[in-house]
Amino acid sequence: MKITLNSIRLFAYHGVMPQEQVVGDWYTVNLQLVVPDESATRSDRLTDTVDYSKVFDLVKQEMQIPSKLMEHVCGRICRAILQQFSCVDEVTISIIKQNPPIGAECGGCGVELTQKRRDS
């Protein structure tokens, strides 16, 4: 089973350029969690699946820690999810910086990472 959290919009201070760490930017985070146990499809109990409100809290917390690279943020979030949620076997995350300082109009720049439990 796959659980998704889509288009989470957060303001954070990531970037290599000094002004990025001062001014900040809006980011869009998308997550896909692979949960092999489908018990919740029969039980209708939150305890049989991932509480995605807790996943959101974790993402929000990790996004508040400034990093130079979005790759680093993606890795931290994947590792934290796999550590805190034993029922998750795989995480795919994408983080998109809405207004990257590249000197051109752009709909955003992003990074996508997939980590499996055995990789973390």
PDB file of N, CA and C in Angstrom:
ATOM      1  N   MET A   1       0.852  -1.166   0.000  1.00  0.00           N
ATOM      2  CA  MET A   1       0.000   0.000   0.000  1.00  0.00           C
ATOM      3  C   MET A   1       0.902   1.236   0.000  1.00  0.00           C
ATOM      4  N   LYS A   2       0.452   2.284  -0.678  1.00  0.00           N
ATOM      5  CA  LYS A   2       1.191   3.545  -0.702  1.00  0.00           C
ATOM      6  C   LYS A   2       0.350   4.629  -0.048  1.00  0.00           C
ATOM      7  N   ILE A   3       0.988   5.383   0.820  1.00  0.00           N
ATOM      8  CA  ILE A   3       0.354   6.516   1.488  1.00  0.00           C
ATOM      9  C   ILE A   3       1.070   7.763   0.999  1.00  0.00           C
ATOM     10  N   THR A   4       0.314   8.777   0.582  1.00  0.00           N
ATOM     11  CA  THR A   4       0.937   9.985   0.045  1.00  0.00           C
ATOM     12  C   THR A   4       0.536  11.217   0.839  1.00  0.00           C
ATOM     13  N   LEU A   5       1.465  12.131   0.938  1.00  0.00           N
ATOM     14  CA  LEU A   5       1.214  13.480   1.444  1.00  0.00           C
ATOM     15  C   LEU A   5       1.683  14.393   0.320  1.00  0.00           C
ATOM     16  N   ASN A   6       0.772  15.154  -0.248  1.00  0.00           N
ATOM     17  CA  ASN A   6       1.071  15.923  -1.448  1.00  0.00           C
ATOM     18  C   ASN A   6       1.009  17.427  -1.217  1.00  0.00           C
ATOM     19  N   SER A   7       1.932  18.114  -1.838  1.00  0.00           N
ATOM     20  CA  SER A   7       1.936  19.586  -1.886  1.00  0.00           C
ATOM     21  C   SER A   7       1.931  20.231  -0.502  1.00  0.00           C
ATOM     22  N   ILE A   8       2.748  19.702   0.396  1.00  0.00           N
ATOM     23  CA  ILE A   8       2.934  20.334   1.706  1.00  0.00           C
ATOM     24  C   ILE A   8       3.755  21.601   1.457  1.00  0.00           C
ATOM     25  N   ARG A   9       3.226  22.741   1.849  1.00  0.00           N
ATOM     26  CA  ARG A   9       3.908  24.012   1.595  1.00  0.00           C
ATOM     27  C   ARG A   9       4.477  24.547   2.905  1.00  0.00           C
ATOM     28  N   LEU A  10       5.802  24.730   2.922  1.00  0.00           N
ATOM     29  CA  LEU A  10       6.483  25.194   4.133  1.00  0.00           C
ATOM     30  C   LEU A  10       7.498  26.273   3.781  1.00  0.00           C
ATOM     31  N   PHE A  11       7.692  27.199   4.688  1.00  0.00           N
ATOM     32  CA  PHE A  11       8.716  28.235   4.517  1.00  0.00           C
ATOM     33  C   PHE A  11       9.940  27.791   5.298  1.00  0.00           C
ATOM     34  N   ALA A  12      11.111  27.864   4.651  1.00  0.00           N
ATOM     35  CA  ALA A  12      12.337  27.395   5.311  1.00  0.00           C
ATOM     36  C   ALA A  12      13.544  28.163   4.781  1.00  0.00           C
ATOM     37  N   TYR A  13      14.689  27.891   5.385  1.00  0.00           N
ATOM     38  CA  TYR A  13      15.921  28.629   5.104  1.00  0.00           C
ATOM     39  C   TYR A  13      17.023  27.688   4.647  1.00  0.00           C
ATOM     40  N   HIS A  14      16.892  27.163   3.442  1.00  0.00           N
ATOM     41  CA  HIS A  14      17.896  26.272   2.877  1.00  0.00           C
ATOM     42  C   HIS A  14      18.553  26.948   1.686  1.00  0.00           C
ATOM     43  N   GLY A  15      19.833  26.659   1.478  1.00  0.00           N
ATOM     44  CA  GLY A  15      20.501  27.177   0.294  1.00  0.00           C
ATOM     45  C   GLY A  15      21.979  27.408   0.518  1.00  0.00           C
ATOM     46  N   VAL A  16      22.706  27.377  -0.572  1.00  0.00           N
ATOM     47  CA  VAL A  16      24.151  27.599  -0.550  1.00  0.00           C
ATOM     48  C   VAL A  16      24.460  29.090  -0.459  1.00  0.00           C
ATOM     49  N   MET A  17      23.648  29.908  -1.122  1.00  0.00           N
ATOM     50  CA  MET A  17      23.875  31.358  -1.135  1.00  0.00           C
ATOM     51  C   MET A  17      23.520  31.945   0.235  1.00  0.00           C
ATOM     52  N   PRO A  18      24.371  32.852   0.751  1.00  0.00           N
ATOM     53  CA  PRO A  18      24.105  33.425   2.078  1.00  0.00           C
ATOM     54  C   PRO A  18      22.709  34.052   2.208  1.00  0.00           C
ATOM     55  N   GLN A  19      22.232  34.733   1.154  1.00  0.00           N
ATOM     56  CA  GLN A  19      20.919  35.385   1.263  1.00  0.00           C
ATOM     57  C   GLN A  19      19.787  34.371   1.405  1.00  0.00           C
ATOM     58  N   GLU A  20      19.973  33.156   0.898  1.00  0.00           N
ATOM     59  CA  GLU A  20      18.930  32.131   1.026  1.00  0.00           C
ATOM     60  C   GLU A  20      18.719  31.748   2.487  1.00  0.00           C
ATOM     61  N   GLN A  21      19.797  31.774   3.259  1.00  0.00           N
ATOM     62  CA  GLN A  21      19.702  31.394   4.667  1.00  0.00           C
ATOM     63  C   GLN A  21      19.162  32.542   5.525  1.00  0.00           C
ATOM     64  N   VAL A  22      19.114  33.751   4.931  1.00  0.00           N
ATOM     65  CA  VAL A  22      18.572  34.907   5.642  1.00  0.00           C
ATOM     66  C   VAL A  22      17.130  35.186   5.215  1.00  0.00           C
ATOM     67  N   VAL A  23      16.900  35.199   3.906  1.00  0.00           N
ATOM     68  CA  VAL A  23      15.597  35.560   3.353  1.00  0.00           C
ATOM     69  C   VAL A  23      14.621  34.389   3.391  1.00  0.00           C
ATOM     70  N   GLY A  24      15.113  33.183   3.129  1.00  0.00           N
ATOM     71  CA  GLY A  24      14.258  32.002   3.100  1.00  0.00           C
ATOM     72  C   GLY A  24      13.453  31.906   1.817  1.00  0.00           C
ATOM     73  N   ASP A  25      12.669  30.859   1.703  1.00  0.00           N
ATOM     74  CA  ASP A  25      11.868  30.624   0.508  1.00  0.00           C
ATOM     75  C   ASP A  25      10.752  29.641   0.857  1.00  0.00           C
ATOM     76  N   TRP A  26       9.772  29.573  -0.022  1.00  0.00           N
ATOM     77  CA  TRP A  26       8.709  28.581   0.096  1.00  0.00           C
ATOM     78  C   TRP A  26       9.147  27.299  -0.585  1.00  0.00           C
ATOM     79  N   TYR A  27       8.807  26.182   0.044  1.00  0.00           N
ATOM     80  CA  TYR A  27       9.136  24.856  -0.476  1.00  0.00           C
ATOM     81  C   TYR A  27       7.860  24.032  -0.549  1.00  0.00           C
ATOM     82  N   THR A  28       7.808  23.157  -1.542  1.00  0.00           N
ATOM     83  CA  THR A  28       6.721  22.194  -1.651  1.00  0.00           C
ATOM     84  C   THR A  28       7.310  20.805  -1.442  1.00  0.00           C
ATOM     85  N   VAL A  29       6.735  20.061  -0.514  1.00  0.00           N
ATOM     86  CA  VAL A  29       7.214  18.721  -0.190  1.00  0.00           C
ATOM     87  C   VAL A  29       6.128  17.712  -0.564  1.00  0.00           C
ATOM     88  N   ASN A  30       6.540  16.655  -1.258  1.00  0.00           N
ATOM     89  CA  ASN A  30       5.656  15.542  -1.601  1.00  0.00           C
ATOM     90  C   ASN A  30       6.278  14.265  -1.053  1.00  0.00           C
ATOM     91  N   LEU A  31       5.454  13.435  -0.448  1.00  0.00           N
ATOM     92  CA  LEU A  31       5.934  12.182   0.138  1.00  0.00           C
ATOM     93  C   LEU A  31       5.097  11.006  -0.336  1.00  0.00           C
ATOM     94  N   GLN A  32       5.773   9.896  -0.530  1.00  0.00           N
ATOM     95  CA  GLN A  32       5.084   8.626  -0.770  1.00  0.00           C
ATOM     96  C   GLN A  32       5.712   7.596   0.163  1.00  0.00           C
ATOM     97  N   LEU A  33       4.888   6.959   0.976  1.00  0.00           N
ATOM     98  CA  LEU A  33       5.350   5.958   1.930  1.00  0.00           C
ATOM     99  C   LEU A  33       4.813   4.600   1.506  1.00  0.00           C
ATOM    100  N   VAL A  34       5.683   3.610   1.424  1.00  0.00           N
ATOM    101  CA  VAL A  34       5.256   2.251   1.103  1.00  0.00           C
ATOM    102  C   VAL A  34       5.115   1.482   2.413  1.00  0.00           C
ATOM    103  N   VAL A  35       3.901   1.002   2.649  1.00  0.00           N
ATOM    104  CA  VAL A  35       3.571   0.246   3.857  1.00  0.00           C
ATOM    105  C   VAL A  35       3.061  -1.119   3.400  1.00  0.00           C
ATOM    106  N   PRO A  36       3.851  -2.186   3.617  1.00  0.00           N
ATOM    107  CA  PRO A  36       3.446  -3.491   3.104  1.00  0.00           C
ATOM    108  C   PRO A  36       2.239  -4.103   3.813  1.00  0.00           C
ATOM    109  N   ASP A  37       2.037  -3.755   5.074  1.00  0.00           N
ATOM    110  CA  ASP A  37       0.928  -4.321   5.847  1.00  0.00           C
ATOM    111  C   ASP A  37      -0.361  -3.566   5.518  1.00  0.00           C
ATOM    112  N   GLU A  38      -1.329  -4.269   4.991  1.00  0.00           N
ATOM    113  CA  GLU A  38      -2.596  -3.649   4.607  1.00  0.00           C
ATOM    114  C   GLU A  38      -3.698  -3.904   5.637  1.00  0.00           C
ATOM    115  N   SER A  39      -3.325  -4.152   6.886  1.00  0.00           N
ATOM    116  CA  SER A  39      -4.308  -4.447   7.941  1.00  0.00           C
ATOM    117  C   SER A  39      -5.366  -3.360   8.074  1.00  0.00           C
ATOM    118  N   ALA A  40      -4.963  -2.111   7.901  1.00  0.00           N
ATOM    119  CA  ALA A  40      -5.908  -1.000   8.077  1.00  0.00           C
ATOM    120  C   ALA A  40      -7.047  -1.049   7.067  1.00  0.00           C
ATOM    121  N   THR A  41      -6.833  -1.713   5.934  1.00  0.00           N
ATOM    122  CA  THR A  41      -7.910  -1.814   4.938  1.00  0.00           C
ATOM    123  C   THR A  41      -9.055  -2.683   5.450  1.00  0.00           C
ATOM    124  N   ARG A  42      -8.749  -3.531   6.432  1.00  0.00           N
ATOM    125  CA  ARG A  42      -9.773  -4.394   7.020  1.00  0.00           C
ATOM    126  C   ARG A  42     -10.233  -3.892   8.394  1.00  0.00           C
ATOM    127  N   SER A  43      -9.292  -3.367   9.183  1.00  0.00           N
ATOM    128  CA  SER A  43      -9.602  -3.036  10.577  1.00  0.00           C
ATOM    129  C   SER A  43     -10.210  -1.651  10.770  1.00  0.00           C
ATOM    130  N   ASP A  44      -9.869  -0.706   9.892  1.00  0.00           N
ATOM    131  CA  ASP A  44     -10.311   0.685  10.030  1.00  0.00           C
ATOM    132  C   ASP A  44      -9.752   1.328  11.300  1.00  0.00           C
ATOM    133  N   ARG A  45      -8.548   0.874  11.721  1.00  0.00           N
ATOM    134  CA  ARG A  45      -7.896   1.414  12.923  1.00  0.00           C
ATOM    135  C   ARG A  45      -6.613   2.143  12.533  1.00  0.00           C
ATOM    136  N   LEU A  46      -6.444   3.342  13.071  1.00  0.00           N
ATOM    137  CA  LEU A  46      -5.246   4.142  12.814  1.00  0.00           C
ATOM    138  C   LEU A  46      -3.987   3.430  13.286  1.00  0.00           C
ATOM    139  N   THR A  47      -4.107   2.629  14.326  1.00  0.00           N
ATOM    140  CA  THR A  47      -2.942   1.914  14.857  1.00  0.00           C
ATOM    141  C   THR A  47      -2.396   0.879  13.875  1.00  0.00           C
ATOM    142  N   ASP A  48      -3.155   0.556  12.836  1.00  0.00           N
ATOM    143  CA  ASP A  48      -2.712  -0.425  11.841  1.00  0.00           C
ATOM    144  C   ASP A  48      -2.087   0.216  10.606  1.00  0.00           C
ATOM    145  N   THR A  49      -1.809   1.508  10.687  1.00  0.00           N
ATOM    146  CA  THR A  49      -1.215   2.198   9.539  1.00  0.00           C
ATOM    147  C   THR A  49      -0.333   3.341  10.032  1.00  0.00           C
ATOM    148  N   VAL A  50       0.025   4.228   9.142  1.00  0.00           N
ATOM    149  CA  VAL A  50       0.857   5.384   9.479  1.00  0.00           C
ATOM    150  C   VAL A  50      -0.054   6.577   9.758  1.00  0.00           C
ATOM    151  N   ASP A  51       0.154   7.216  10.886  1.00  0.00           N
ATOM    152  CA  ASP A  51      -0.572   8.443  11.208  1.00  0.00           C
ATOM    153  C   ASP A  51       0.107   9.575  10.443  1.00  0.00           C
ATOM    154  N   TYR A  52      -0.480   9.983   9.331  1.00  0.00           N
ATOM    155  CA  TYR A  52       0.213  10.955   8.491  1.00  0.00           C
ATOM    156  C   TYR A  52       0.281  12.340   9.117  1.00  0.00           C
ATOM    157  N   SER A  53      -0.502  12.608  10.161  1.00  0.00           N
ATOM    158  CA  SER A  53      -0.334  13.880  10.871  1.00  0.00           C
ATOM    159  C   SER A  53       1.009  13.893  11.610  1.00  0.00           C
ATOM    160  N   LYS A  54       1.435  12.727  12.088  1.00  0.00           N
ATOM    161  CA  LYS A  54       2.746  12.634  12.746  1.00  0.00           C
ATOM    162  C   LYS A  54       3.877  12.713  11.722  1.00  0.00           C
ATOM    163  N   VAL A  55       3.647  12.175  10.534  1.00  0.00           N
ATOM    164  CA  VAL A  55       4.638  12.303   9.458  1.00  0.00           C
ATOM    165  C   VAL A  55       4.782  13.777   9.094  1.00  0.00           C
ATOM    166  N   PHE A  56       3.661  14.479   8.974  1.00  0.00           N
ATOM    167  CA  PHE A  56       3.708  15.912   8.676  1.00  0.00           C
ATOM    168  C   PHE A  56       4.502  16.660   9.747  1.00  0.00           C
ATOM    169  N   ASP A  57       4.244  16.370  11.020  1.00  0.00           N
ATOM    170  CA  ASP A  57       4.976  17.035  12.106  1.00  0.00           C
ATOM    171  C   ASP A  57       6.476  16.805  11.978  1.00  0.00           C
ATOM    172  N   LEU A  58       6.871  15.593  11.629  1.00  0.00           N
ATOM    173  CA  LEU A  58       8.287  15.269  11.455  1.00  0.00           C
ATOM    174  C   LEU A  58       8.879  16.064  10.286  1.00  0.00           C
ATOM    175  N   VAL A  59       8.169  16.117   9.161  1.00  0.00           N
ATOM    176  CA  VAL A  59       8.641  16.869   7.991  1.00  0.00           C
ATOM    177  C   VAL A  59       8.796  18.342   8.350  1.00  0.00           C
ATOM    178  N   LYS A  60       7.813  18.897   9.012  1.00  0.00           N
ATOM    179  CA  LYS A  60       7.858  20.312   9.414  1.00  0.00           C
ATOM    180  C   LYS A  60       9.061  20.580  10.315  1.00  0.00           C
ATOM    181  N   GLN A  61       9.292  19.698  11.263  1.00  0.00           N
ATOM    182  CA  GLN A  61      10.423  19.834  12.185  1.00  0.00           C
ATOM    183  C   GLN A  61      11.752  19.785  11.426  1.00  0.00           C
ATOM    184  N   GLU A  62      11.915  18.833  10.527  1.00  0.00           N
ATOM    185  CA  GLU A  62      13.164  18.707   9.767  1.00  0.00           C
ATOM    186  C   GLU A  62      13.376  19.878   8.810  1.00  0.00           C
ATOM    187  N   MET A  63      12.299  20.396   8.246  1.00  0.00           N
ATOM    188  CA  MET A  63      12.422  21.535   7.324  1.00  0.00           C
ATOM    189  C   MET A  63      12.864  22.798   8.053  1.00  0.00           C
ATOM    190  N   GLN A  64      12.661  22.860   9.370  1.00  0.00           N
ATOM    191  CA  GLN A  64      13.073  24.027  10.149  1.00  0.00           C
ATOM    192  C   GLN A  64      14.578  24.061  10.415  1.00  0.00           C
ATOM    193  N   ILE A  65      15.271  22.957  10.151  1.00  0.00           N
ATOM    194  CA  ILE A  65      16.721  22.894  10.363  1.00  0.00           C
ATOM    195  C   ILE A  65      17.400  23.333   9.070  1.00  0.00           C
ATOM    196  N   PRO A  66      18.070  24.505   9.068  1.00  0.00           N
ATOM    197  CA  PRO A  66      18.689  24.999   7.835  1.00  0.00           C
ATOM    198  C   PRO A  66      19.771  24.051   7.313  1.00  0.00           C
ATOM    199  N   SER A  67      19.775  23.882   6.002  1.00  0.00           N
ATOM    200  CA  SER A  67      20.801  23.093   5.313  1.00  0.00           C
ATOM    201  C   SER A  67      21.192  23.830   4.047  1.00  0.00           C
ATOM    202  N   LYS A  68      22.385  23.565   3.568  1.00  0.00           N
ATOM    203  CA  LYS A  68      22.809  24.159   2.300  1.00  0.00           C
ATOM    204  C   LYS A  68      22.113  23.477   1.127  1.00  0.00           C
ATOM    205  N   LEU A  69      21.957  22.156   1.204  1.00  0.00           N
ATOM    206  CA  LEU A  69      21.456  21.385   0.067  1.00  0.00           C
ATOM    207  C   LEU A  69      20.105  20.734   0.363  1.00  0.00           C
ATOM    208  N   MET A  70      19.216  20.795  -0.618  1.00  0.00           N
ATOM    209  CA  MET A  70      17.934  20.097  -0.491  1.00  0.00           C
ATOM    210  C   MET A  70      18.161  18.590  -0.443  1.00  0.00           C
ATOM    211  N   GLU A  71      19.225  18.114  -1.087  1.00  0.00           N
ATOM    212  CA  GLU A  71      19.566  16.694  -1.029  1.00  0.00           C
ATOM    213  C   GLU A  71      19.757  16.250   0.419  1.00  0.00           C
ATOM    214  N   HIS A  72      20.415  17.100   1.197  1.00  0.00           N
ATOM    215  CA  HIS A  72      20.662  16.814   2.611  1.00  0.00           C
ATOM    216  C   HIS A  72      19.345  16.756   3.389  1.00  0.00           C
ATOM    217  N   VAL A  73      18.462  17.701   3.109  1.00  0.00           N
ATOM    218  CA  VAL A  73      17.162  17.731   3.786  1.00  0.00           C
ATOM    219  C   VAL A  73      16.362  16.469   3.442  1.00  0.00           C
ATOM    220  N   CYS A  74      16.350  16.096   2.161  1.00  0.00           N
ATOM    221  CA  CYS A  74      15.646  14.871   1.736  1.00  0.00           C
ATOM    222  C   CYS A  74      16.174  13.652   2.487  1.00  0.00           C
ATOM    223  N   GLY A  75      17.487  13.532   2.570  1.00  0.00           N
ATOM    224  CA  GLY A  75      18.094  12.396   3.262  1.00  0.00           C
ATOM    225  C   GLY A  75      17.724  12.352   4.728  1.00  0.00           C
ATOM    226  N   ARG A  76      17.754  13.513   5.384  1.00  0.00           N
ATOM    227  CA  ARG A  76      17.385  13.576   6.806  1.00  0.00           C
ATOM    228  C   ARG A  76      15.940  13.147   7.020  1.00  0.00           C
ATOM    229  N   ILE A  77      15.048  13.643   6.172  1.00  0.00           N
ATOM    230  CA  ILE A  77      13.629  13.320   6.329  1.00  0.00           C
ATOM    231  C   ILE A  77      13.389  11.831   6.093  1.00  0.00           C
ATOM    232  N   CYS A  78      13.993  11.280   5.047  1.00  0.00           N
ATOM    233  CA  CYS A  78      13.831   9.838   4.781  1.00  0.00           C
ATOM    234  C   CYS A  78      14.314   9.004   5.958  1.00  0.00           C
ATOM    235  N   ARG A  79      15.507   9.318   6.453  1.00  0.00           N
ATOM    236  CA  ARG A  79      16.056   8.548   7.580  1.00  0.00           C
ATOM    237  C   ARG A  79      15.169   8.668   8.817  1.00  0.00           C
ATOM    238  N   ALA A  80      14.677   9.869   9.085  1.00  0.00           N
ATOM    239  CA  ALA A  80      13.831  10.079  10.269  1.00  0.00           C
ATOM    240  C   ALA A  80      12.520   9.297  10.158  1.00  0.00           C
ATOM    241  N   ILE A  81      11.916   9.294   8.979  1.00  0.00           N
ATOM    242  CA  ILE A  81      10.663   8.540   8.795  1.00  0.00           C
ATOM    243  C   ILE A  81      10.908   7.052   8.989  1.00  0.00           C
ATOM    244  N   LEU A  82      11.972   6.528   8.381  1.00  0.00           N
ATOM    245  CA  LEU A  82      12.263   5.097   8.511  1.00  0.00           C
ATOM    246  C   LEU A  82      12.609   4.723   9.951  1.00  0.00           C
ATOM    247  N   GLN A  83      13.213   5.654  10.700  1.00  0.00           N
ATOM    248  CA  GLN A  83      13.526   5.401  12.113  1.00  0.00           C
ATOM    249  C   GLN A  83      12.270   5.419  12.980  1.00  0.00           C
ATOM    250  N   GLN A  84      11.390   6.377  12.739  1.00  0.00           N
ATOM    251  CA  GLN A  84      10.239   6.572  13.629  1.00  0.00           C
ATOM    252  C   GLN A  84       9.025   5.715  13.289  1.00  0.00           C
ATOM    253  N   PHE A  85       8.933   5.259  12.051  1.00  0.00           N
ATOM    254  CA  PHE A  85       7.754   4.513  11.622  1.00  0.00           C
ATOM    255  C   PHE A  85       8.187   3.151  11.103  1.00  0.00           C
ATOM    256  N   SER A  86       8.183   2.173  11.995  1.00  0.00           N
ATOM    257  CA  SER A  86       8.695   0.842  11.648  1.00  0.00           C
ATOM    258  C   SER A  86       7.862   0.143  10.578  1.00  0.00           C
ATOM    259  N   CYS A  87       6.626   0.565  10.388  1.00  0.00           N
ATOM    260  CA  CYS A  87       5.772  -0.074   9.377  1.00  0.00           C
ATOM    261  C   CYS A  87       6.059   0.431   7.960  1.00  0.00           C
ATOM    262  N   VAL A  88       6.878   1.468   7.822  1.00  0.00           N
ATOM    263  CA  VAL A  88       7.206   2.016   6.500  1.00  0.00           C
ATOM    264  C   VAL A  88       8.446   1.311   5.966  1.00  0.00           C
ATOM    265  N   ASP A  89       8.335   0.748   4.773  1.00  0.00           N
ATOM    266  CA  ASP A  89       9.465   0.058   4.136  1.00  0.00           C
ATOM    267  C   ASP A  89      10.228   0.937   3.159  1.00  0.00           C
ATOM    268  N   GLU A  90       9.562   1.949   2.609  1.00  0.00           N
ATOM    269  CA  GLU A  90      10.191   2.779   1.581  1.00  0.00           C
ATOM    270  C   GLU A  90       9.591   4.180   1.619  1.00  0.00           C
ATOM    271  N   VAL A  91      10.450   5.179   1.407  1.00  0.00           N
ATOM    272  CA  VAL A  91      10.021   6.576   1.376  1.00  0.00           C
ATOM    273  C   VAL A  91      10.517   7.201   0.081  1.00  0.00           C
ATOM    274  N   THR A  92       9.634   7.890  -0.617  1.00  0.00           N
ATOM    275  CA  THR A  92      10.040   8.741  -1.733  1.00  0.00           C
ATOM    276  C   THR A  92       9.625  10.155  -1.371  1.00  0.00           C
ATOM    277  N   ILE A  93      10.586  11.070  -1.458  1.00  0.00           N
ATOM    278  CA  ILE A  93      10.322  12.468  -1.130  1.00  0.00           C
ATOM    279  C   ILE A  93      10.800  13.343  -2.269  1.00  0.00           C
ATOM    280  N   SER A  94      10.042  14.385  -2.547  1.00  0.00           N
ATOM    281  CA  SER A  94      10.532  15.438  -3.433  1.00  0.00           C
ATOM    282  C   SER A  94      10.364  16.757  -2.700  1.00  0.00           C
ATOM    283  N   ILE A  95      11.374  17.603  -2.832  1.00  0.00           N
ATOM    284  CA  ILE A  95      11.328  18.945  -2.266  1.00  0.00           C
ATOM    285  C   ILE A  95      11.599  19.912  -3.411  1.00  0.00           C
ATOM    286  N   ILE A  96      10.712  20.889  -3.562  1.00  0.00           N
ATOM    287  CA  ILE A  96      10.835  21.872  -4.629  1.00  0.00           C
ATOM    288  C   ILE A  96      10.966  23.255  -4.008  1.00  0.00           C
ATOM    289  N   LYS A  97      12.051  23.950  -4.349  1.00  0.00           N
ATOM    290  CA  LYS A  97      12.248  25.336  -3.923  1.00  0.00           C
ATOM    291  C   LYS A  97      11.497  26.211  -4.918  1.00  0.00           C
ATOM    292  N   GLN A  98      10.544  27.000  -4.431  1.00  0.00           N
ATOM    293  CA  GLN A  98       9.655  27.744  -5.320  1.00  0.00           C
ATOM    294  C   GLN A  98      10.335  28.878  -6.088  1.00  0.00           C
ATOM    295  N   ASN A  99      11.272  29.570  -5.471  1.00  0.00           N
ATOM    296  CA  ASN A  99      11.911  30.728  -6.113  1.00  0.00           C
ATOM    297  C   ASN A  99      13.429  30.627  -6.021  1.00  0.00           C
ATOM    298  N   PRO A 100      14.032  29.684  -6.712  1.00  0.00           N
ATOM    299  CA  PRO A 100      15.484  29.509  -6.609  1.00  0.00           C
ATOM    300  C   PRO A 100      16.229  30.690  -7.238  1.00  0.00           C
ATOM    301  N   PRO A 101      17.365  31.077  -6.641  1.00  0.00           N
ATOM    302  CA  PRO A 101      18.129  32.211  -7.168  1.00  0.00           C
ATOM    303  C   PRO A 101      19.011  31.792  -8.352  1.00  0.00           C
ATOM    304  N   ILE A 102      18.372  31.571  -9.500  1.00  0.00           N
ATOM    305  CA  ILE A 102      19.138  31.118 -10.667  1.00  0.00           C
ATOM    306  C   ILE A 102      19.187  32.166 -11.771  1.00  0.00           C
ATOM    307  N   GLY A 103      18.614  33.335 -11.525  1.00  0.00           N
ATOM    308  CA  GLY A 103      18.669  34.404 -12.512  1.00  0.00           C
ATOM    309  C   GLY A 103      17.721  34.220 -13.679  1.00  0.00           C
ATOM    310  N   ALA A 104      16.662  33.450 -13.494  1.00  0.00           N
ATOM    311  CA  ALA A 104      15.684  33.226 -14.554  1.00  0.00           C
ATOM    312  C   ALA A 104      14.334  32.897 -13.931  1.00  0.00           C
ATOM    313  N   GLU A 105      13.271  33.154 -14.683  1.00  0.00           N
ATOM    314  CA  GLU A 105      11.944  32.734 -14.248  1.00  0.00           C
ATOM    315  C   GLU A 105      11.894  31.212 -14.277  1.00  0.00           C
ATOM    316  N   CYS A 106      11.379  30.634 -13.227  1.00  0.00           N
ATOM    317  CA  CYS A 106      11.404  29.180 -13.098  1.00  0.00           C
ATOM    318  C   CYS A 106      10.251  28.765 -12.195  1.00  0.00           C
ATOM    319  N   GLY A 107       9.618  27.666 -12.510  1.00  0.00           N
ATOM    320  CA  GLY A 107       8.525  27.162 -11.688  1.00  0.00           C
ATOM    321  C   GLY A 107       8.993  26.444 -10.441  1.00  0.00           C
ATOM    322  N   GLY A 108      10.294  26.440 -10.198  1.00  0.00           N
ATOM    323  CA  GLY A 108      10.862  25.789  -9.027  1.00  0.00           C
ATOM    324  C   GLY A 108      11.951  24.813  -9.413  1.00  0.00           C
ATOM    325  N   CYS A 109      12.854  24.574  -8.489  1.00  0.00           N
ATOM    326  CA  CYS A 109      13.917  23.575  -8.662  1.00  0.00           C
ATOM    327  C   CYS A 109      13.763  22.565  -7.539  1.00  0.00           C
ATOM    328  N   GLY A 110      13.975  21.310  -7.861  1.00  0.00           N
ATOM    329  CA  GLY A 110      13.737  20.313  -6.833  1.00  0.00           C
ATOM    330  C   GLY A 110      14.655  19.118  -6.875  1.00  0.00           C
ATOM    331  N   VAL A 111      14.505  18.304  -5.850  1.00  0.00           N
ATOM    332  CA  VAL A 111      15.268  17.078  -5.669  1.00  0.00           C
ATOM    333  C   VAL A 111      14.274  15.989  -5.285  1.00  0.00           C
ATOM    334  N   GLU A 112      14.502  14.787  -5.786  1.00  0.00           N
ATOM    335  CA  GLU A 112      13.681  13.633  -5.392  1.00  0.00           C
ATOM    336  C   GLU A 112      14.606  12.514  -4.944  1.00  0.00           C
ATOM    337  N   LEU A 113      14.228  11.855  -3.863  1.00  0.00           N
ATOM    338  CA  LEU A 113      15.032  10.773  -3.300  1.00  0.00           C
ATOM    339  C   LEU A 113      14.108   9.643  -2.863  1.00  0.00           C
ATOM    340  N   THR A 114      14.530   8.415  -3.139  1.00  0.00           N
ATOM    341  CA  THR A 114      13.834   7.234  -2.628  1.00  0.00           C
ATOM    342  C   THR A 114      14.806   6.464  -1.753  1.00  0.00           C
ATOM    343  N   GLN A 115      14.372   6.125  -0.547  1.00  0.00           N
ATOM    344  CA  GLN A 115      15.174   5.295   0.351  1.00  0.00           C
ATOM    345  C   GLN A 115      14.322   4.145   0.848  1.00  0.00           C
ATOM    346  N   LYS A 116      14.929   2.976   0.824  1.00  0.00           N
ATOM    347  CA  LYS A 116      14.274   1.775   1.348  1.00  0.00           C
ATOM    348  C   LYS A 116      14.854   1.465   2.715  1.00  0.00           C
ATOM    349  N   ARG A 117      14.108   0.754   3.503  1.00  0.00           N
ATOM    350  CA  ARG A 117      14.547   0.442   4.862  1.00  0.00           C
ATOM    351  C   ARG A 117      15.939  -0.175   4.865  1.00  0.00           C
ATOM    352  N   ARG A 118      16.243  -1.050   3.969  1.00  0.00           N
ATOM    353  CA  ARG A 118      17.558  -1.696   3.956  1.00  0.00           C
ATOM    354  C   ARG A 118      18.674  -0.733   3.553  1.00  0.00           C
ATOM    355  N   ASP A 119      18.334   0.424   2.924  1.00  0.00           N
ATOM    356  CA  ASP A 119      19.330   1.406   2.493  1.00  0.00           C
ATOM    357  C   ASP A 119      19.678   2.406   3.583  1.00  0.00           C
ATOM    358  N   SER A 120      18.813   2.561   4.580  1.00  0.00           N
ATOM    359  CA  SER A 120      18.959   3.679   5.518  1.00  0.00           C
ATOM    360  C   SER A 120      20.051   3.485   6.534  1.00  0.00           C
TER     361      SER A 120
END
